[in-house]
PDB file of N, CA and C in Angstrom:
ATOM      1  N   MET A   1      -4.085 -52.565  -2.962  1.00  0.00           N
ATOM      2  CA  MET A   1      -4.408 -53.920  -2.606  1.00  0.00           C
ATOM      3  C   MET A   1      -5.661 -54.331  -3.358  1.00  0.00           C
ATOM      4  N   LYS A   2      -5.625 -55.465  -4.002  1.00  0.00           N
ATOM      5  CA  LYS A   2      -6.759 -55.927  -4.791  1.00  0.00           C
ATOM      6  C   LYS A   2      -7.464 -57.073  -4.080  1.00  0.00           C
ATOM      7  N   ILE A   3      -8.781 -56.960  -4.039  1.00  0.00           N
ATOM      8  CA  ILE A   3      -9.631 -57.959  -3.392  1.00  0.00           C
ATOM      9  C   ILE A   3     -10.632 -58.448  -4.431  1.00  0.00           C
ATOM     10  N   LYS A   4     -10.713 -59.742  -4.639  1.00  0.00           N
ATOM     11  CA  LYS A   4     -11.693 -60.298  -5.568  1.00  0.00           C
ATOM     12  C   LYS A   4     -13.039 -60.392  -4.859  1.00  0.00           C
ATOM     13  N   LEU A   5     -14.069 -59.913  -5.523  1.00  0.00           N
ATOM     14  CA  LEU A   5     -15.425 -60.007  -4.997  1.00  0.00           C
ATOM     15  C   LEU A   5     -16.090 -61.216  -5.633  1.00  0.00           C
ATOM     16  N   HIS A   6     -16.551 -62.144  -4.801  1.00  0.00           N
ATOM     17  CA  HIS A   6     -17.157 -63.379  -5.291  1.00  0.00           C
ATOM     18  C   HIS A   6     -18.677 -63.307  -5.343  1.00  0.00           C
ATOM     19  N   LYS A   7     -19.240 -62.448  -4.497  1.00  0.00           N
ATOM     20  CA  LYS A   7     -20.693 -62.375  -4.421  1.00  0.00           C
ATOM     21  C   LYS A   7     -21.098 -60.991  -3.935  1.00  0.00           C
ATOM     22  N   ALA A   8     -22.365 -60.677  -4.085  1.00  0.00           N
ATOM     23  CA  ALA A   8     -22.871 -59.353  -3.732  1.00  0.00           C
ATOM     24  C   ALA A   8     -22.582 -58.995  -2.284  1.00  0.00           C
ATOM     25  N   SER A   9     -22.671 -59.953  -1.399  1.00  0.00           N
ATOM     26  CA  SER A   9     -22.458 -59.657   0.024  1.00  0.00           C
ATOM     27  C   SER A   9     -21.013 -59.305   0.353  1.00  0.00           C
ATOM     28  N   ASP A  10     -20.091 -59.462  -0.601  1.00  0.00           N
ATOM     29  CA  ASP A  10     -18.692 -59.055  -0.384  1.00  0.00           C
ATOM     30  C   ASP A  10     -18.516 -57.541  -0.480  1.00  0.00           C
ATOM     31  N   ILE A  11     -19.454 -56.855  -1.094  1.00  0.00           N
ATOM     32  CA  ILE A  11     -19.327 -55.411  -1.289  1.00  0.00           C
ATOM     33  C   ILE A  11     -19.353 -54.669   0.047  1.00  0.00           C
ATOM     34  N   GLY A  12     -20.271 -55.039   0.922  1.00  0.00           N
ATOM     35  CA  GLY A  12     -20.435 -54.356   2.200  1.00  0.00           C
ATOM     36  C   GLY A  12     -19.185 -54.341   3.064  1.00  0.00           C
ATOM     37  N   PRO A  13     -18.569 -55.503   3.313  1.00  0.00           N
ATOM     38  CA  PRO A  13     -17.360 -55.503   4.130  1.00  0.00           C
ATOM     39  C   PRO A  13     -16.224 -54.666   3.548  1.00  0.00           C
ATOM     40  N   VAL A  14     -16.149 -54.595   2.216  1.00  0.00           N
ATOM     41  CA  VAL A  14     -15.109 -53.777   1.591  1.00  0.00           C
ATOM     42  C   VAL A  14     -15.385 -52.299   1.852  1.00  0.00           C
ATOM     43  N   VAL A  15     -16.636 -51.888   1.662  1.00  0.00           N
ATOM     44  CA  VAL A  15     -17.005 -50.490   1.915  1.00  0.00           C
ATOM     45  C   VAL A  15     -16.718 -50.132   3.370  1.00  0.00           C
ATOM     46  N   ARG A  16     -17.114 -50.994   4.279  1.00  0.00           N
ATOM     47  CA  ARG A  16     -16.911 -50.740   5.714  1.00  0.00           C
ATOM     48  C   ARG A  16     -15.425 -50.673   6.063  1.00  0.00           C
ATOM     49  N   ALA A  17     -14.639 -51.609   5.535  1.00  0.00           N
ATOM     50  CA  ALA A  17     -13.205 -51.648   5.833  1.00  0.00           C
ATOM     51  C   ALA A  17     -12.504 -50.376   5.370  1.00  0.00           C
ATOM     52  N   VAL A  18     -12.843 -49.918   4.172  1.00  0.00           N
ATOM     53  CA  VAL A  18     -12.208 -48.711   3.648  1.00  0.00           C
ATOM     54  C   VAL A  18     -12.618 -47.495   4.471  1.00  0.00           C
ATOM     55  N   ARG A  19     -13.899 -47.425   4.835  1.00  0.00           N
ATOM     56  CA  ARG A  19     -14.357 -46.297   5.654  1.00  0.00           C
ATOM     57  C   ARG A  19     -13.648 -46.292   7.007  1.00  0.00           C
ATOM     58  N   LYS A  20     -13.548 -47.456   7.641  1.00  0.00           N
ATOM     59  CA  LYS A  20     -12.891 -47.540   8.948  1.00  0.00           C
ATOM     60  C   LYS A  20     -11.400 -47.206   8.843  1.00  0.00           C
ATOM     61  N   ALA A  21     -10.759 -47.668   7.772  1.00  0.00           N
ATOM     62  CA  ALA A  21      -9.332 -47.381   7.583  1.00  0.00           C
ATOM     63  C   ALA A  21      -9.095 -45.886   7.433  1.00  0.00           C
ATOM     64  N   GLN A  22     -10.083 -45.185   6.882  1.00  0.00           N
ATOM     65  CA  GLN A  22      -9.975 -43.746   6.720  1.00  0.00           C
ATOM     66  C   GLN A  22     -10.438 -42.997   7.976  1.00  0.00           C
ATOM     67  N   ARG A  23     -10.836 -43.752   8.986  1.00  0.00           N
ATOM     68  CA  ARG A  23     -11.275 -43.204  10.283  1.00  0.00           C
ATOM     69  C   ARG A  23     -12.402 -42.188  10.127  1.00  0.00           C
ATOM     70  N   ILE A  24     -13.374 -42.571   9.299  1.00  0.00           N
ATOM     71  CA  ILE A  24     -14.529 -41.716   9.083  1.00  0.00           C
ATOM     72  C   ILE A  24     -15.752 -42.404   9.672  1.00  0.00           C
ATOM     73  N   ARG A  25     -16.501 -41.665  10.472  1.00  0.00           N
ATOM     74  CA  ARG A  25     -17.721 -42.216  11.049  1.00  0.00           C
ATOM     75  C   ARG A  25     -18.745 -42.428   9.943  1.00  0.00           C
ATOM     76  N   GLN A  26     -19.615 -43.383  10.171  1.00  0.00           N
ATOM     77  CA  GLN A  26     -20.626 -43.719   9.173  1.00  0.00           C
ATOM     78  C   GLN A  26     -21.516 -42.514   8.839  1.00  0.00           C
ATOM     79  N   ASP A  27     -21.933 -41.766   9.854  1.00  0.00           N
ATOM     80  CA  ASP A  27     -22.805 -40.614   9.590  1.00  0.00           C
ATOM     81  C   ASP A  27     -22.081 -39.522   8.806  1.00  0.00           C
ATOM     82  N   ASP A  28     -20.805 -39.328   9.101  1.00  0.00           N
ATOM     83  CA  ASP A  28     -20.025 -38.327   8.363  1.00  0.00           C
ATOM     84  C   ASP A  28     -19.824 -38.741   6.905  1.00  0.00           C
ATOM     85  N   MET A  29     -19.537 -40.016   6.687  1.00  0.00           N
ATOM     86  CA  MET A  29     -19.345 -40.508   5.321  1.00  0.00           C
ATOM     87  C   MET A  29     -20.638 -40.399   4.531  1.00  0.00           C
ATOM     88  N   ALA A  30     -21.731 -40.784   5.142  1.00  0.00           N
ATOM     89  CA  ALA A  30     -23.024 -40.720   4.453  1.00  0.00           C
ATOM     90  C   ALA A  30     -23.311 -39.291   4.010  1.00  0.00           C
ATOM     91  N   GLY A  31     -23.106 -38.344   4.905  1.00  0.00           N
ATOM     92  CA  GLY A  31     -23.343 -36.941   4.565  1.00  0.00           C
ATOM     93  C   GLY A  31     -22.421 -36.449   3.468  1.00  0.00           C
ATOM     94  N   ALA A  32     -21.164 -36.888   3.499  1.00  0.00           N
ATOM     95  CA  ALA A  32     -20.181 -36.433   2.515  1.00  0.00           C
ATOM     96  C   ALA A  32     -20.486 -36.945   1.112  1.00  0.00           C
ATOM     97  N   ILE A  33     -21.065 -38.133   1.018  1.00  0.00           N
ATOM     98  CA  ILE A  33     -21.336 -38.692  -0.314  1.00  0.00           C
ATOM     99  C   ILE A  33     -22.792 -38.523  -0.736  1.00  0.00           C
ATOM    100  N   GLY A  34     -23.617 -37.942   0.134  1.00  0.00           N
ATOM    101  CA  GLY A  34     -24.990 -37.623  -0.246  1.00  0.00           C
ATOM    102  C   GLY A  34     -25.995 -38.750  -0.147  1.00  0.00           C
ATOM    103  N   VAL A  35     -25.765 -39.683   0.777  1.00  0.00           N
ATOM    104  CA  VAL A  35     -26.742 -40.744   1.031  1.00  0.00           C
ATOM    105  C   VAL A  35     -27.093 -40.708   2.513  1.00  0.00           C
ATOM    106  N   SER A  36     -28.164 -41.384   2.878  1.00  0.00           N
ATOM    107  CA  SER A  36     -28.540 -41.417   4.290  1.00  0.00           C
ATOM    108  C   SER A  36     -27.633 -42.389   5.048  1.00  0.00           C
ATOM    109  N   GLU A  37     -27.514 -42.144   6.335  1.00  0.00           N
ATOM    110  CA  GLU A  37     -26.734 -43.066   7.176  1.00  0.00           C
ATOM    111  C   GLU A  37     -27.381 -44.448   7.149  1.00  0.00           C
ATOM    112  N   ASN A  38     -28.696 -44.493   7.116  1.00  0.00           N
ATOM    113  CA  ASN A  38     -29.421 -45.755   7.057  1.00  0.00           C
ATOM    114  C   ASN A  38     -29.045 -46.537   5.798  1.00  0.00           C
ATOM    115  N   PHE A  39     -28.995 -45.842   4.663  1.00  0.00           N
ATOM    116  CA  PHE A  39     -28.633 -46.496   3.409  1.00  0.00           C
ATOM    117  C   PHE A  39     -27.206 -47.023   3.469  1.00  0.00           C
ATOM    118  N   LEU A  40     -26.276 -46.198   3.944  1.00  0.00           N
ATOM    119  CA  LEU A  40     -24.878 -46.631   4.030  1.00  0.00           C
ATOM    120  C   LEU A  40     -24.756 -47.845   4.948  1.00  0.00           C
ATOM    121  N   GLY A  41     -25.485 -47.826   6.049  1.00  0.00           N
ATOM    122  CA  GLY A  41     -25.476 -48.979   6.954  1.00  0.00           C
ATOM    123  C   GLY A  41     -25.961 -50.243   6.263  1.00  0.00           C
ATOM    124  N   LYS A  42     -27.016 -50.108   5.458  1.00  0.00           N
ATOM    125  CA  LYS A  42     -27.524 -51.266   4.714  1.00  0.00           C
ATOM    126  C   LYS A  42     -26.489 -51.776   3.720  1.00  0.00           C
ATOM    127  N   VAL A  43     -25.809 -50.858   3.044  1.00  0.00           N
ATOM    128  CA  VAL A  43     -24.762 -51.267   2.104  1.00  0.00           C
ATOM    129  C   VAL A  43     -23.677 -52.046   2.847  1.00  0.00           C
ATOM    130  N   GLU A  44     -23.227 -51.502   3.976  1.00  0.00           N
ATOM    131  CA  GLU A  44     -22.140 -52.135   4.729  1.00  0.00           C
ATOM    132  C   GLU A  44     -22.532 -53.500   5.295  1.00  0.00           C
ATOM    133  N   HIS A  45     -23.822 -53.704   5.522  1.00  0.00           N
ATOM    134  CA  HIS A  45     -24.278 -54.975   6.095  1.00  0.00           C
ATOM    135  C   HIS A  45     -24.940 -55.879   5.067  1.00  0.00           C
ATOM    136  N   GLY A  46     -24.824 -55.533   3.793  1.00  0.00           N
ATOM    137  CA  GLY A  46     -25.308 -56.415   2.734  1.00  0.00           C
ATOM    138  C   GLY A  46     -26.795 -56.338   2.472  1.00  0.00           C
ATOM    139  N   GLY A  47     -27.476 -55.332   2.977  1.00  0.00           N
ATOM    140  CA  GLY A  47     -28.914 -55.220   2.761  1.00  0.00           C
ATOM    141  C   GLY A  47     -29.256 -54.765   1.360  1.00  0.00           C
ATOM    142  N   GLY A  48     -30.401 -55.200   0.889  1.00  0.00           N
ATOM    143  CA  GLY A  48     -30.907 -54.749  -0.405  1.00  0.00           C
ATOM    144  C   GLY A  48     -30.032 -55.131  -1.576  1.00  0.00           C
ATOM    145  N   ASN A  49     -29.490 -56.337  -1.566  1.00  0.00           N
ATOM    146  CA  ASN A  49     -28.557 -56.711  -2.628  1.00  0.00           C
ATOM    147  C   ASN A  49     -29.162 -57.624  -3.688  1.00  0.00           C
ATOM    148  N   ALA A  50     -30.495 -57.636  -3.796  1.00  0.00           N
ATOM    149  CA  ALA A  50     -31.126 -58.545  -4.760  1.00  0.00           C
ATOM    150  C   ALA A  50     -30.638 -58.291  -6.180  1.00  0.00           C
ATOM    151  N   GLN A  51     -30.582 -57.045  -6.604  1.00  0.00           N
ATOM    152  CA  GLN A  51     -30.120 -56.745  -7.956  1.00  0.00           C
ATOM    153  C   GLN A  51     -28.630 -57.035  -8.116  1.00  0.00           C
ATOM    154  N   TRP A  52     -27.856 -56.764  -7.068  1.00  0.00           N
ATOM    155  CA  TRP A  52     -26.421 -57.071  -7.132  1.00  0.00           C
ATOM    156  C   TRP A  52     -26.203 -58.565  -7.296  1.00  0.00           C
ATOM    157  N   THR A  53     -27.063 -59.373  -6.671  1.00  0.00           N
ATOM    158  CA  THR A  53     -26.952 -60.825  -6.813  1.00  0.00           C
ATOM    159  C   THR A  53     -27.118 -61.215  -8.273  1.00  0.00           C
ATOM    160  N   LYS A  54     -28.070 -60.603  -8.940  1.00  0.00           N
ATOM    161  CA  LYS A  54     -28.273 -60.884 -10.363  1.00  0.00           C
ATOM    162  C   LYS A  54     -27.087 -60.412 -11.201  1.00  0.00           C
ATOM    163  N   VAL A  55     -26.533 -59.259 -10.850  1.00  0.00           N
ATOM    164  CA  VAL A  55     -25.356 -58.758 -11.565  1.00  0.00           C
ATOM    165  C   VAL A  55     -24.214 -59.764 -11.436  1.00  0.00           C
ATOM    166  N   PHE A  56     -23.996 -60.295 -10.243  1.00  0.00           N
ATOM    167  CA  PHE A  56     -22.927 -61.274 -10.052  1.00  0.00           C
ATOM    168  C   PHE A  56     -23.210 -62.554 -10.823  1.00  0.00           C
ATOM    169  N   GLN A  57     -24.471 -62.938 -10.962  1.00  0.00           N
ATOM    170  CA  GLN A  57     -24.811 -64.113 -11.767  1.00  0.00           C
ATOM    171  C   GLN A  57     -24.415 -63.881 -13.224  1.00  0.00           C
ATOM    172  N   VAL A  58     -24.718 -62.705 -13.745  1.00  0.00           N
ATOM    173  CA  VAL A  58     -24.365 -62.364 -15.124  1.00  0.00           C
ATOM    174  C   VAL A  58     -22.845 -62.364 -15.291  1.00  0.00           C
ATOM    175  N   LEU A  59     -22.142 -61.699 -14.369  1.00  0.00           N
ATOM    176  CA  LEU A  59     -20.682 -61.640 -14.458  1.00  0.00           C
ATOM    177  C   LEU A  59     -20.078 -63.037 -14.447  1.00  0.00           C
ATOM    178  N   GLU A  60     -20.543 -63.865 -13.528  1.00  0.00           N
ATOM    179  CA  GLU A  60     -20.016 -65.230 -13.435  1.00  0.00           C
ATOM    180  C   GLU A  60     -20.297 -65.999 -14.722  1.00  0.00           C
ATOM    181  N   GLY A  61     -21.500 -65.845 -15.237  1.00  0.00           N
ATOM    182  CA  GLY A  61     -21.871 -66.543 -16.468  1.00  0.00           C
ATOM    183  C   GLY A  61     -21.016 -66.150 -17.655  1.00  0.00           C
ATOM    184  N   LEU A  62     -20.533 -64.918 -17.647  1.00  0.00           N
ATOM    185  CA  LEU A  62     -19.697 -64.433 -18.737  1.00  0.00           C
ATOM    186  C   LEU A  62     -18.206 -64.605 -18.468  1.00  0.00           C
ATOM    187  N   GLY A  63     -17.867 -65.138 -17.305  1.00  0.00           N
ATOM    188  CA  GLY A  63     -16.457 -65.316 -16.965  1.00  0.00           C
ATOM    189  C   GLY A  63     -15.762 -64.027 -16.580  1.00  0.00           C
ATOM    190  N   ILE A  64     -16.537 -63.045 -16.107  1.00  0.00           N
ATOM    191  CA  ILE A  64     -15.972 -61.755 -15.715  1.00  0.00           C
ATOM    192  C   ILE A  64     -15.683 -61.775 -14.221  1.00  0.00           C
ATOM    193  N   GLU A  65     -14.481 -61.366 -13.858  1.00  0.00           N
ATOM    194  CA  GLU A  65     -14.062 -61.294 -12.456  1.00  0.00           C
ATOM    195  C   GLU A  65     -14.106 -59.844 -11.998  1.00  0.00           C
ATOM    196  N   LEU A  66     -14.757 -59.580 -10.875  1.00  0.00           N
ATOM    197  CA  LEU A  66     -14.848 -58.228 -10.334  1.00  0.00           C
ATOM    198  C   LEU A  66     -13.851 -58.098  -9.194  1.00  0.00           C
ATOM    199  N   VAL A  67     -12.971 -57.105  -9.311  1.00  0.00           N
ATOM    200  CA  VAL A  67     -11.916 -56.893  -8.328  1.00  0.00           C
ATOM    201  C   VAL A  67     -11.966 -55.447  -7.860  1.00  0.00           C
ATOM    202  N   CYS A  68     -11.854 -55.255  -6.539  1.00  0.00           N
ATOM    203  CA  CYS A  68     -11.770 -53.905  -5.972  1.00  0.00           C
ATOM    204  C   CYS A  68     -10.324 -53.626  -5.618  1.00  0.00           C
ATOM    205  N   ASP A  69      -9.859 -52.463  -5.972  1.00  0.00           N
ATOM    206  CA  ASP A  69      -8.522 -52.025  -5.601  1.00  0.00           C
ATOM    207  C   ASP A  69      -8.695 -51.063  -4.434  1.00  0.00           C
ATOM    208  N   ILE A  70      -8.409 -51.537  -3.219  1.00  0.00           N
ATOM    209  CA  ILE A  70      -8.651 -50.749  -2.017  1.00  0.00           C
ATOM    210  C   ILE A  70      -7.333 -50.311  -1.380  1.00  0.00           C
ATOM    211  N   PRO A  71      -7.379 -49.271  -0.557  1.00  0.00           N
ATOM    212  CA  PRO A  71      -6.154 -48.839   0.126  1.00  0.00           C
ATOM    213  C   PRO A  71      -5.584 -49.962   1.009  1.00  0.00           C
ATOM    214  N   ASN A  72      -4.289 -50.100   1.027  1.00  0.00           N
ATOM    215  CA  ASN A  72      -3.643 -51.155   1.812  1.00  0.00           C
ATOM    216  C   ASN A  72      -4.017 -51.111   3.287  1.00  0.00           C
ATOM    217  N   GLU A  73      -4.213 -49.906   3.831  1.00  0.00           N
ATOM    218  CA  GLU A  73      -4.514 -49.800   5.254  1.00  0.00           C
ATOM    219  C   GLU A  73      -5.890 -50.359   5.613  1.00  0.00           C
ATOM    220  N   ALA A  74      -6.719 -50.653   4.624  1.00  0.00           N
ATOM    221  CA  ALA A  74      -8.038 -51.230   4.895  1.00  0.00           C
ATOM    222  C   ALA A  74      -7.955 -52.733   5.167  1.00  0.00           C
ATOM    223  N   HIS A  75      -6.851 -53.362   4.849  1.00  0.00           N
ATOM    224  CA  HIS A  75      -6.697 -54.815   4.994  1.00  0.00           C
ATOM    225  C   HIS A  75      -7.102 -55.324   6.369  1.00  0.00           C
ATOM    226  N   ASP A  76      -6.632 -54.702   7.422  1.00  0.00           N
ATOM    227  CA  ASP A  76      -6.898 -55.185   8.777  1.00  0.00           C
ATOM    228  C   ASP A  76      -8.353 -55.011   9.194  1.00  0.00           C
ATOM    229  N   HIS A  77      -9.114 -54.245   8.444  1.00  0.00           N
ATOM    230  CA  HIS A  77     -10.519 -54.025   8.758  1.00  0.00           C
ATOM    231  C   HIS A  77     -11.438 -54.969   7.988  1.00  0.00           C
ATOM    232  N   LEU A  78     -10.877 -55.759   7.081  1.00  0.00           N
ATOM    233  CA  LEU A  78     -11.667 -56.726   6.314  1.00  0.00           C
ATOM    234  C   LEU A  78     -11.966 -57.941   7.166  1.00  0.00           C
ATOM    235  N   PRO A  79     -13.076 -58.636   6.884  1.00  0.00           N
ATOM    236  CA  PRO A  79     -13.322 -59.909   7.556  1.00  0.00           C
ATOM    237  C   PRO A  79     -12.204 -60.896   7.214  1.00  0.00           C
ATOM    238  N   GLU A  80     -11.932 -61.795   8.089  1.00  0.00           N
ATOM    239  CA  GLU A  80     -10.834 -62.756   7.927  1.00  0.00           C
ATOM    240  C   GLU A  80     -10.912 -63.504   6.586  1.00  0.00           C
ATOM    241  N   TYR A  81     -12.118 -63.907   6.180  1.00  0.00           N
ATOM    242  CA  TYR A  81     -12.237 -64.696   4.949  1.00  0.00           C
ATOM    243  C   TYR A  81     -11.843 -63.919   3.696  1.00  0.00           C
ATOM    244  N   MET A  82     -11.785 -62.582   3.774  1.00  0.00           N
ATOM    245  CA  MET A  82     -11.445 -61.780   2.601  1.00  0.00           C
ATOM    246  C   MET A  82      -9.978 -61.371   2.573  1.00  0.00           C
ATOM    247  N   ARG A  83      -9.246 -61.624   3.609  1.00  0.00           N
ATOM    248  CA  ARG A  83      -7.868 -61.135   3.706  1.00  0.00           C
ATOM    249  C   ARG A  83      -6.893 -61.873   2.801  1.00  0.00           C
ATOM    250  N   GLY A  84      -7.245 -63.034   2.330  1.00  0.00           N
ATOM    251  CA  GLY A  84      -6.340 -63.797   1.485  1.00  0.00           C
ATOM    252  C   GLY A  84      -6.290 -63.313   0.048  1.00  0.00           C
ATOM    253  N   GLY A  85      -7.280 -62.496  -0.342  1.00  0.00           N
ATOM    254  CA  GLY A  85      -7.288 -61.958  -1.697  1.00  0.00           C
ATOM    255  C   GLY A  85      -8.096 -62.777  -2.561  1.00  0.00           C
TER     256      GLY A  85
END
């Protein structure tokens, strides 16, 4: 399933949806990938995205579209506004 990311704050809900679809707790996922639970929580809630905002400005300026290919089972865990693709 492909989801178009329009802005930096779209990254967090995608990460959270995929983690939830895989039925992995946040603390377990953080440990498995080598980051703190606090950091993963910030990612999932859109924290610390100042540089990502600039990256999206560059991508938009160049006409580049960023798309995530996520597992289909994550669809129901996405926020409603992202379910349309």
